[in-house]
Amino acid sequence: MDNHDQSRNPTRRRVAGALGLALLAPAVGATTARAATAPRVPWRGREPLTPALPAPTGPYRVGTTSMHLVDGARRDPWVPSRRRRELMVSLWYPARPGRGTGVAPQLPARTAARFGALAETEQGFSVGAGAVDWAATRTHSAVGAPVLRQRGGLPVVLYSPGKDMPRGFGTVLAEDLASRGYAVVAVDHTYESLAVEFPGGRLEEKQPATETRVLRALVDVRVADVRFVLDCLEVLNAGGTPDASRRPLPAGLARGLDLSAIGMFGHSLGGATTAQVMHDDHRVVAGANLDGGTGAGAESVGTVVDEGLDRPFLLVSSVLGNSRHPAHATFWQHLRGWHRNIQMLSASHYSFTDLQAQLPRIAQAGAMPRGRLVDAVGTVAPARSLHVQRTYLGAFLDAHLLHRPDHGLFDGPSPAFPEVQFVD
């Protein structure tokens, strides 16, 4: 992303810091930056708001589970006293009728509390104190529901969130893909994410080391995390149980994946991670970057910029764009496989997270300043924004993992999607 004017805009630096805009988010114009200084709105409601998530659109019921993964071969890079790297991942998948243990929350309780505390600050979104109960948000996924198995296994899609963002803020797109027949695996990058909650309620929060390290170091750790998760999926697909706590997994998940059809997408720094994972690991055959860049300041995200990719890659960005950094042109000219670069007009950086569905309702209720809303998710209609993302990401993965026709969706602008502009 281009953040060439961050140093000249101290207001923007304050807004960007805590939620990960500083590394890979686009710079904003003066009007938006001034709006971001609006004071926090006092909350006068009797009860806190519960942010809702839209239902998935595919034909299948959705199930979910989580896994605690421990890499005994790698010391934690951010907390060296921890001799093993620990991760939490969520899996969403098409489910068959059967009993689960209830509907999953978007965020575990302690993670939700940590996010809520930050969202109320100027460094977050200036949400009124006590206005939102983030822990109360429920998804549309049944915990532990049995897997709807498919002949040949479920195609797999990995998800890496933006810097600081918990993996649960990718739920809308993950559930939608699962409802269409994919197994989606979201990774929390421990000590870089705002907070990661492990079994038993142990909470591991972001470490200062991740704020001082260069972009390349952050991406390198994330790539190692994702490659370890891929190794764990191979164990799972061989009938093993990679969960460190040996908790029972949903019926039908073991040996239920198609590991010849693996895609990946990510938001912001997670999008940059997607490109480098594809470069380093040929198990991922197609990738999409949602509003992430190829560099910040004088550095690039990694060797993928100069060495490129030979497999399909999709870049989807906000109207502020992510193609002004010098590394972008180098990266783009080295893509040897199918590739497209599209922008969604009137969107902003967090339009590509669940906050696109949640923040507008919070602002409408008077619980956050309008200027902070526009800064976070732009002015695009939330329902249209989510429809565009679901349609284009789904069509991309369908085409390159399942070899289905995209019906010309990526040939150029479509009157059915006036919000989408083709770039490059």
Protein backbone atom coordinates (compact mmCIF):
# COMPACT_ATOMS: atom_id res chain seq x y z
CA MET A 1 0.00 0.00 0.00
CA ASP A 2 1.04 3.56 -0.43
CA ASN A 3 1.60 5.34 2.84
CA HIS A 4 3.99 7.96 1.48
CA ASP A 5 2.24 10.83 3.29
CA GLN A 6 1.90 9.16 6.69
CA SER A 7 4.86 11.12 8.02
CA ARG A 8 3.23 14.43 7.03
CA ASN A 9 -0.10 13.59 8.64
CA PRO A 10 0.19 13.06 12.42
CA THR A 11 -3.57 12.73 12.79
CA ARG A 12 -3.56 9.84 10.34
CA ARG A 13 -0.69 8.18 12.23
CA ARG A 14 -2.74 8.21 15.45
CA VAL A 15 -5.77 6.74 13.73
CA ALA A 16 -3.72 4.13 11.89
CA GLY A 17 -1.60 2.81 14.71
CA ALA A 18 -3.59 0.42 16.84
CA LEU A 19 -5.64 -1.35 14.20
CA GLY A 20 -2.90 -1.95 11.70
CA LEU A 21 -3.46 0.79 9.12
CA ALA A 22 0.06 2.14 9.44
CA LEU A 23 1.80 -0.64 7.53
CA LEU A 24 -0.39 -1.38 4.57
CA ALA A 25 -3.43 0.90 4.49
CA PRO A 26 -3.74 3.65 1.90
CA ALA A 27 -3.30 7.25 2.93
CA VAL A 28 -6.47 9.28 3.19
CA GLY A 29 -7.32 12.74 1.98
CA ALA A 30 -7.49 15.81 4.17
CA THR A 31 -11.25 15.70 4.56
CA THR A 32 -11.26 12.16 5.91
CA ALA A 33 -8.26 12.83 8.13
CA ARG A 34 -10.00 15.82 9.71
CA ALA A 35 -13.15 13.76 10.22
CA ALA A 36 -11.10 11.12 12.02
CA THR A 37 -10.38 13.60 14.82
CA ALA A 38 -14.08 13.81 15.72
CA PRO A 39 -14.61 13.20 19.44
CA ARG A 40 -16.03 9.95 20.73
CA VAL A 41 -19.82 9.91 20.79
CA PRO A 42 -21.24 9.41 24.31
CA TRP A 43 -23.57 6.42 24.38
CA ARG A 44 -26.97 7.17 25.88
CA GLY A 45 -28.75 3.95 25.00
CA ARG A 46 -30.16 1.75 27.73
CA GLU A 47 -28.64 -1.46 26.36
CA PRO A 48 -25.45 -2.05 24.37
CA LEU A 49 -25.79 -2.76 20.67
CA THR A 50 -25.15 -6.22 19.24
CA PRO A 51 -23.50 -5.96 15.81
CA ALA A 52 -25.14 -8.40 13.39
CA LEU A 53 -23.60 -10.37 10.54
CA PRO A 54 -25.43 -11.10 7.27
CA ALA A 55 -26.36 -14.69 6.50
CA PRO A 56 -24.32 -16.65 3.94
CA THR A 57 -25.85 -16.98 0.49
CA GLY A 58 -24.88 -20.51 -0.57
CA PRO A 59 -27.08 -23.61 -0.52
CA TYR A 60 -25.37 -25.39 2.37
CA ARG A 61 -25.67 -25.11 6.13
CA VAL A 62 -22.38 -24.02 7.73
CA GLY A 63 -20.48 -25.70 10.54
CA THR A 64 -17.40 -24.49 12.37
CA THR A 65 -14.71 -25.61 14.76
CA SER A 66 -11.38 -24.33 16.03
CA MET A 67 -8.00 -25.96 16.47
CA HIS A 68 -5.07 -25.22 18.75
CA LEU A 69 -1.90 -25.89 16.77
CA VAL A 70 1.59 -26.12 18.26
CA ASP A 71 4.74 -26.04 16.14
CA GLY A 72 7.32 -27.85 18.23
CA ALA A 73 10.03 -27.19 15.66
CA ARG A 74 9.85 -23.40 15.91
CA ARG A 75 10.52 -21.10 18.86
CA ASP A 76 8.09 -18.21 18.96
CA PRO A 77 9.70 -15.33 17.02
CA TRP A 78 8.01 -12.59 19.09
CA VAL A 79 8.32 -14.12 22.57
CA PRO A 80 11.58 -16.12 22.52
CA SER A 81 10.94 -17.51 26.00
CA ARG A 82 8.17 -19.60 24.42
CA ARG A 83 9.94 -22.60 22.96
CA ARG A 84 7.07 -23.55 20.66
CA ARG A 85 5.00 -21.40 18.30
CA GLU A 86 1.28 -21.69 19.13
CA LEU A 87 -1.57 -20.74 16.80
CA MET A 88 -5.34 -20.78 16.85
CA VAL A 89 -7.27 -21.43 13.65
CA SER A 90 -10.96 -21.53 12.81
CA LEU A 91 -12.48 -23.84 10.22
CA TRP A 92 -15.79 -23.28 8.45
CA TYR A 93 -17.26 -25.94 6.19
CA PRO A 94 -20.52 -27.11 4.59
CA ALA A 95 -22.41 -29.09 7.22
CA ARG A 96 -24.93 -31.88 6.98
CA PRO A 97 -27.96 -32.03 9.25
CA GLY A 98 -26.94 -33.07 12.71
CA ARG A 99 -26.54 -31.75 16.20
CA GLY A 100 -23.87 -29.20 16.98
CA THR A 101 -23.29 -27.45 20.27
CA GLY A 102 -24.92 -24.15 19.37
CA VAL A 103 -24.15 -21.19 17.13
CA ALA A 104 -20.59 -19.86 17.24
CA PRO A 105 -19.81 -16.32 18.39
CA GLN A 106 -17.89 -14.07 16.03
CA LEU A 107 -15.19 -13.57 18.69
CA PRO A 108 -14.29 -15.43 21.88
CA ALA A 109 -15.37 -13.47 24.96
CA ARG A 110 -11.96 -12.21 26.11
CA THR A 111 -10.88 -11.32 22.57
CA ALA A 112 -14.14 -9.42 22.12
CA ALA A 113 -13.53 -7.47 25.33
CA ARG A 114 -10.03 -6.53 24.19
CA PHE A 115 -11.28 -5.40 20.80
CA GLY A 116 -14.14 -3.45 22.34
CA ALA A 117 -11.79 -1.57 24.65
CA LEU A 118 -9.64 -0.56 21.68
CA ALA A 119 -12.61 0.34 19.46
CA GLU A 120 -13.69 2.92 22.03
CA THR A 121 -10.41 4.84 21.76
CA GLU A 122 -9.26 7.44 19.27
CA GLN A 123 -6.79 4.86 17.97
CA GLY A 124 -9.75 2.57 17.28
CA PHE A 125 -13.07 3.90 15.99
CA SER A 126 -14.21 6.27 18.76
CA VAL A 127 -17.18 4.02 19.56
CA GLY A 128 -19.05 5.26 22.61
CA ALA A 129 -18.00 3.59 25.86
CA GLY A 130 -20.29 0.67 26.62
CA ALA A 131 -22.22 1.13 23.37
CA VAL A 132 -21.40 -2.24 21.79
CA ASP A 133 -21.32 -5.77 23.16
CA TRP A 134 -18.89 -7.35 20.71
CA ALA A 135 -19.05 -10.69 22.51
CA ALA A 136 -22.78 -10.98 21.82
CA THR A 137 -22.45 -11.16 18.02
CA ARG A 138 -23.41 -14.58 16.74
CA THR A 139 -22.44 -16.09 13.41
CA HIS A 140 -24.50 -18.44 11.25
CA SER A 141 -22.30 -21.48 11.92
CA ALA A 142 -23.13 -24.49 14.08
CA VAL A 143 -20.24 -25.45 16.36
CA GLY A 144 -19.08 -29.01 15.71
CA ALA A 145 -21.77 -29.88 13.17
CA PRO A 146 -20.89 -32.93 11.04
CA VAL A 147 -19.21 -32.20 7.73
CA LEU A 148 -21.09 -32.54 4.46
CA ARG A 149 -18.52 -34.64 2.64
CA GLN A 150 -18.01 -34.35 -1.08
CA ARG A 151 -16.55 -36.86 -3.51
CA GLY A 152 -12.89 -36.00 -3.82
CA GLY A 153 -12.96 -33.83 -0.69
CA LEU A 154 -13.71 -30.19 0.04
CA PRO A 155 -11.57 -27.55 -1.68
CA VAL A 156 -9.66 -25.53 0.90
CA VAL A 157 -9.29 -21.75 1.26
CA LEU A 158 -6.88 -20.20 3.77
CA TYR A 159 -7.48 -16.75 5.30
CA SER A 160 -4.95 -14.40 6.88
CA PRO A 161 -6.37 -11.26 8.55
CA GLY A 162 -4.95 -7.76 8.57
CA LYS A 163 -2.41 -6.64 11.12
CA ASP A 164 -3.86 -6.56 14.64
CA MET A 165 -7.24 -7.89 13.46
CA PRO A 166 -8.57 -11.10 15.07
CA ARG A 167 -9.39 -13.86 12.60
CA GLY A 168 -13.08 -13.62 13.50
CA PHE A 169 -13.45 -10.42 11.47
CA GLY A 170 -13.23 -12.51 8.30
CA THR A 171 -16.37 -14.46 9.20
CA VAL A 172 -18.72 -13.01 6.56
CA LEU A 173 -16.61 -14.11 3.59
CA ALA A 174 -15.57 -17.36 5.25
CA GLU A 175 -19.15 -18.42 5.98
CA ASP A 176 -20.26 -17.51 2.49
CA LEU A 177 -17.54 -19.64 0.91
CA ALA A 178 -18.34 -22.51 3.27
CA SER A 179 -22.02 -22.29 2.32
CA ARG A 180 -20.90 -22.78 -1.29
CA GLY A 181 -18.89 -25.92 -0.59
CA TYR A 182 -15.44 -24.78 0.58
CA ALA A 183 -13.54 -25.56 3.75
CA VAL A 184 -12.15 -22.22 4.99
CA VAL A 185 -9.28 -22.05 7.46
CA ALA A 186 -8.55 -18.71 9.19
CA VAL A 187 -5.28 -18.16 11.07
CA ASP A 188 -4.63 -15.89 14.06
CA HIS A 189 -0.99 -14.76 14.01
CA THR A 190 -0.20 -14.89 17.72
CA TYR A 191 1.37 -11.80 19.37
CA GLU A 192 0.75 -9.77 16.21
CA SER A 193 -3.03 -10.08 16.38
CA LEU A 194 -4.64 -7.78 18.94
CA ALA A 195 -5.49 -10.82 21.10
CA VAL A 196 -5.62 -14.58 20.62
CA GLU A 197 -7.69 -16.68 23.00
CA PHE A 198 -6.53 -20.26 23.59
CA PRO A 199 -8.43 -23.18 25.16
CA GLY A 200 -9.12 -22.60 28.82
CA GLY A 201 -9.42 -18.83 28.34
CA ARG A 202 -5.70 -18.03 28.14
CA LEU A 203 -5.32 -14.73 26.28
CA GLU A 204 -2.12 -13.84 24.46
CA GLU A 205 -2.02 -10.18 23.46
CA LYS A 206 -0.06 -8.25 20.86
CA GLN A 207 3.62 -7.76 21.69
CA PRO A 208 5.57 -4.52 21.24
CA ALA A 209 8.10 -6.42 19.13
CA THR A 210 5.59 -6.64 16.28
CA GLU A 211 5.27 -2.85 16.19
CA THR A 212 9.00 -2.25 15.82
CA ARG A 213 9.92 -4.95 13.30
CA VAL A 214 10.05 -4.21 9.61
CA LEU A 215 7.36 -5.32 7.21
CA ARG A 216 9.43 -8.14 5.74
CA ALA A 217 9.91 -9.70 9.20
CA LEU A 218 6.17 -9.65 9.85
CA VAL A 219 5.42 -11.31 6.53
CA ASP A 220 8.12 -13.94 7.04
CA VAL A 221 6.56 -15.00 10.36
CA ARG A 222 3.09 -15.11 8.84
CA VAL A 223 4.31 -17.21 5.92
CA ALA A 224 5.86 -19.71 8.33
CA ASP A 225 2.57 -19.80 10.26
CA VAL A 226 0.55 -20.55 7.14
CA ARG A 227 2.93 -23.22 5.91
CA PHE A 228 2.72 -24.93 9.30
CA VAL A 229 -1.08 -24.81 9.09
CA LEU A 230 -0.85 -26.46 5.67
CA ASP A 231 1.27 -29.21 7.23
CA CYS A 232 -1.40 -29.68 9.92
CA LEU A 233 -4.10 -29.97 7.27
CA GLU A 234 -2.11 -32.79 5.70
CA VAL A 235 -2.05 -34.54 9.09
CA LEU A 236 -5.80 -34.01 9.38
CA ASN A 237 -6.43 -35.33 5.91
CA ALA A 238 -4.42 -38.44 6.69
CA GLY A 239 -6.76 -39.16 9.57
CA GLY A 240 -4.66 -37.61 12.34
CA THR A 241 -5.61 -35.02 14.95
CA PRO A 242 -3.34 -31.96 14.81
CA ASP A 243 -5.19 -30.18 17.64
CA ALA A 244 -2.77 -29.93 20.55
CA SER A 245 -5.56 -30.32 23.09
CA ARG A 246 -6.82 -33.49 21.37
CA ARG A 247 -10.34 -32.11 21.36
CA PRO A 248 -12.78 -34.07 19.21
CA LEU A 249 -13.19 -32.73 15.69
CA PRO A 250 -16.45 -32.65 13.72
CA ALA A 251 -17.47 -35.95 12.15
CA GLY A 252 -16.29 -36.17 8.57
CA LEU A 253 -13.53 -33.54 8.81
CA ALA A 254 -10.65 -36.02 8.90
CA ARG A 255 -9.85 -37.22 5.38
CA GLY A 256 -12.49 -34.82 4.09
CA LEU A 257 -10.35 -32.23 2.27
CA ASP A 258 -9.09 -31.88 -1.28
CA LEU A 259 -5.53 -30.69 -0.78
CA SER A 260 -4.93 -30.47 -4.52
CA ALA A 261 -7.33 -27.48 -4.60
CA ILE A 262 -6.01 -24.96 -2.07
CA GLY A 263 -6.57 -21.23 -2.42
CA MET A 264 -5.80 -18.35 -0.10
CA PHE A 265 -6.95 -14.81 0.51
CA GLY A 266 -6.12 -12.15 3.05
CA HIS A 267 -6.92 -8.62 4.07
CA SER A 268 -4.27 -5.89 4.25
CA LEU A 269 -1.07 -7.48 5.61
CA GLY A 270 -2.84 -10.82 5.16
CA GLY A 271 -3.16 -10.06 1.45
CA ALA A 272 0.56 -9.36 1.23
CA THR A 273 1.15 -12.60 3.11
CA THR A 274 -0.95 -14.46 0.54
CA ALA A 275 1.37 -13.44 -2.29
CA GLN A 276 4.51 -14.51 -0.44
CA VAL A 277 2.94 -17.81 0.68
CA MET A 278 2.15 -18.60 -2.95
CA HIS A 279 5.74 -17.81 -3.90
CA ASP A 280 7.18 -20.02 -1.17
CA ASP A 281 4.69 -22.90 -1.20
CA HIS A 282 3.25 -24.39 -4.36
CA ARG A 283 0.51 -26.15 -2.42
CA VAL A 284 -1.47 -22.89 -2.76
CA VAL A 285 -2.65 -22.72 -6.36
CA ALA A 286 -4.56 -19.39 -6.39
CA GLY A 287 -4.55 -16.29 -4.19
CA ALA A 288 -6.43 -13.04 -3.62
CA ASN A 289 -5.27 -9.88 -1.87
CA LEU A 290 -8.01 -7.68 -0.35
CA ASP A 291 -6.66 -4.14 0.00
CA GLY A 292 -3.14 -5.16 0.89
CA GLY A 293 -0.02 -3.72 -0.69
CA THR A 294 3.35 -4.83 -1.90
CA GLY A 295 5.45 -2.46 0.17
CA ALA A 296 5.65 0.31 2.73
CA GLY A 297 8.23 3.04 2.93
CA ALA A 298 11.38 1.83 1.23
CA GLU A 299 10.73 -1.88 1.63
CA SER A 300 8.71 -4.56 -0.12
CA VAL A 301 6.83 -7.50 1.34
CA GLY A 302 9.35 -10.07 0.20
CA THR A 303 10.95 -11.94 -2.69
CA VAL A 304 7.62 -12.34 -4.49
CA VAL A 305 7.85 -8.72 -5.65
CA ASP A 306 10.95 -9.35 -7.77
CA GLU A 307 10.44 -13.04 -8.55
CA GLY A 308 6.71 -13.05 -9.22
CA LEU A 309 4.16 -15.85 -9.43
CA ASP A 310 3.12 -18.33 -12.09
CA ARG A 311 -0.37 -19.00 -10.69
CA PRO A 312 -3.63 -17.00 -10.60
CA PHE A 313 -3.66 -13.88 -8.44
CA LEU A 314 -6.45 -11.37 -7.79
CA LEU A 315 -6.01 -7.93 -6.27
CA VAL A 316 -9.13 -6.17 -4.93
CA SER A 317 -8.69 -2.73 -3.42
CA SER A 318 -10.53 0.26 -2.06
CA VAL A 319 -10.91 3.38 -4.16
CA LEU A 320 -7.92 4.92 -2.37
CA GLY A 321 -5.89 2.28 -4.11
CA ASN A 322 -2.79 0.29 -3.35
CA SER A 323 -0.87 0.63 -6.58
CA ARG A 324 1.12 3.82 -5.95
CA HIS A 325 4.01 2.20 -4.06
CA PRO A 326 7.00 1.60 -6.39
CA ALA A 327 7.00 -2.09 -5.54
CA HIS A 328 3.56 -2.53 -7.09
CA ALA A 329 4.70 -2.04 -10.68
CA THR A 330 7.59 -4.45 -10.15
CA PHE A 331 5.30 -7.06 -8.60
CA TRP A 332 2.67 -6.69 -11.31
CA GLN A 333 5.08 -7.08 -14.22
CA HIS A 334 6.44 -10.28 -12.69
CA LEU A 335 3.06 -12.03 -12.48
CA ARG A 336 3.24 -14.73 -15.14
CA GLY A 337 -0.10 -16.41 -14.45
CA TRP A 338 -3.66 -15.11 -14.76
CA HIS A 339 -4.04 -11.85 -12.82
CA ARG A 340 -6.50 -9.01 -12.37
CA ASN A 341 -6.51 -5.77 -10.38
CA ILE A 342 -9.93 -4.33 -9.52
CA GLN A 343 -11.08 -1.52 -7.26
CA MET A 344 -14.36 -1.08 -5.42
CA LEU A 345 -15.43 2.53 -5.67
CA SER A 346 -16.33 4.36 -2.44
CA ALA A 347 -14.92 1.57 -0.27
CA SER A 348 -12.22 2.02 2.36
CA HIS A 349 -9.74 -0.25 4.09
CA TYR A 350 -12.04 -2.04 6.55
CA SER A 351 -14.71 -2.57 3.91
CA PHE A 352 -12.97 -5.91 3.37
CA THR A 353 -13.72 -7.15 6.89
CA ASP A 354 -16.88 -7.89 8.86
CA LEU A 355 -16.79 -4.28 10.03
CA GLN A 356 -18.33 -3.35 6.69
CA ALA A 357 -21.56 -4.93 7.94
CA GLN A 358 -21.21 -3.82 11.57
CA LEU A 359 -19.90 -0.26 11.78
CA PRO A 360 -22.63 1.42 9.67
CA ARG A 361 -25.31 0.18 12.07
CA ILE A 362 -23.28 1.34 15.04
CA ALA A 363 -22.90 4.81 13.50
CA GLN A 364 -26.57 4.91 12.54
CA ALA A 365 -27.47 4.29 16.17
CA GLY A 366 -25.38 7.32 17.12
CA ALA A 367 -22.61 5.34 18.79
CA MET A 368 -19.68 6.53 16.64
CA PRO A 369 -18.86 9.65 14.62
CA ARG A 370 -19.86 9.66 10.96
CA GLY A 371 -16.35 10.74 9.97
CA ARG A 372 -14.80 7.71 11.61
CA LEU A 373 -17.27 5.48 9.79
CA VAL A 374 -16.31 6.91 6.40
CA ASP A 375 -12.63 6.62 7.24
CA ALA A 376 -13.07 2.93 8.10
CA VAL A 377 -15.50 1.59 5.49
CA GLY A 378 -16.07 4.43 3.02
CA THR A 379 -19.45 5.45 1.67
CA VAL A 380 -20.31 2.32 -0.30
CA ALA A 381 -23.66 0.76 0.63
CA PRO A 382 -22.81 -2.13 2.96
CA ALA A 383 -25.06 -4.67 1.24
CA ARG A 384 -23.60 -3.83 -2.17
CA SER A 385 -20.05 -3.94 -0.85
CA LEU A 386 -20.54 -7.41 0.58
CA HIS A 387 -22.34 -8.60 -2.57
CA VAL A 388 -19.42 -7.44 -4.72
CA GLN A 389 -16.84 -9.12 -2.49
CA ARG A 390 -18.73 -12.39 -2.26
CA THR A 391 -19.36 -12.47 -6.00
CA TYR A 392 -15.86 -11.67 -7.23
CA LEU A 393 -13.95 -13.69 -4.63
CA GLY A 394 -16.28 -16.66 -5.08
CA ALA A 395 -16.04 -16.52 -8.87
CA PHE A 396 -12.25 -16.28 -8.72
CA LEU A 397 -11.93 -19.33 -6.48
CA ASP A 398 -14.56 -21.28 -8.43
CA ALA A 399 -12.68 -20.63 -11.66
CA HIS A 400 -9.19 -21.48 -10.46
CA LEU A 401 -9.83 -24.18 -7.87
CA LEU A 402 -12.91 -25.88 -9.32
CA HIS A 403 -12.40 -24.92 -13.00
CA ARG A 404 -15.87 -23.46 -13.36
CA PRO A 405 -16.58 -20.69 -15.89
CA ASP A 406 -16.63 -17.12 -14.52
CA HIS A 407 -19.12 -16.04 -17.24
CA GLY A 408 -16.94 -13.11 -18.27
CA LEU A 409 -16.96 -11.47 -14.86
CA PHE A 410 -13.24 -10.72 -15.06
CA ASP A 411 -13.19 -9.66 -18.71
CA GLY A 412 -13.91 -6.04 -17.86
CA PRO A 413 -16.44 -3.65 -16.29
CA SER A 414 -19.96 -5.00 -15.88
CA PRO A 415 -23.19 -2.95 -15.74
CA ALA A 416 -24.31 -5.33 -13.00
CA PHE A 417 -21.42 -4.11 -10.81
CA PRO A 418 -20.96 -0.38 -11.37
CA GLU A 419 -18.95 -0.19 -8.11
CA VAL A 420 -16.12 -2.18 -9.67
CA GLN A 421 -13.37 -0.56 -11.71
CA PHE A 422 -10.68 -2.51 -13.55
CA VAL A 423 -7.11 -1.26 -13.08
CA ASP A 424 -3.90 -2.05 -14.97
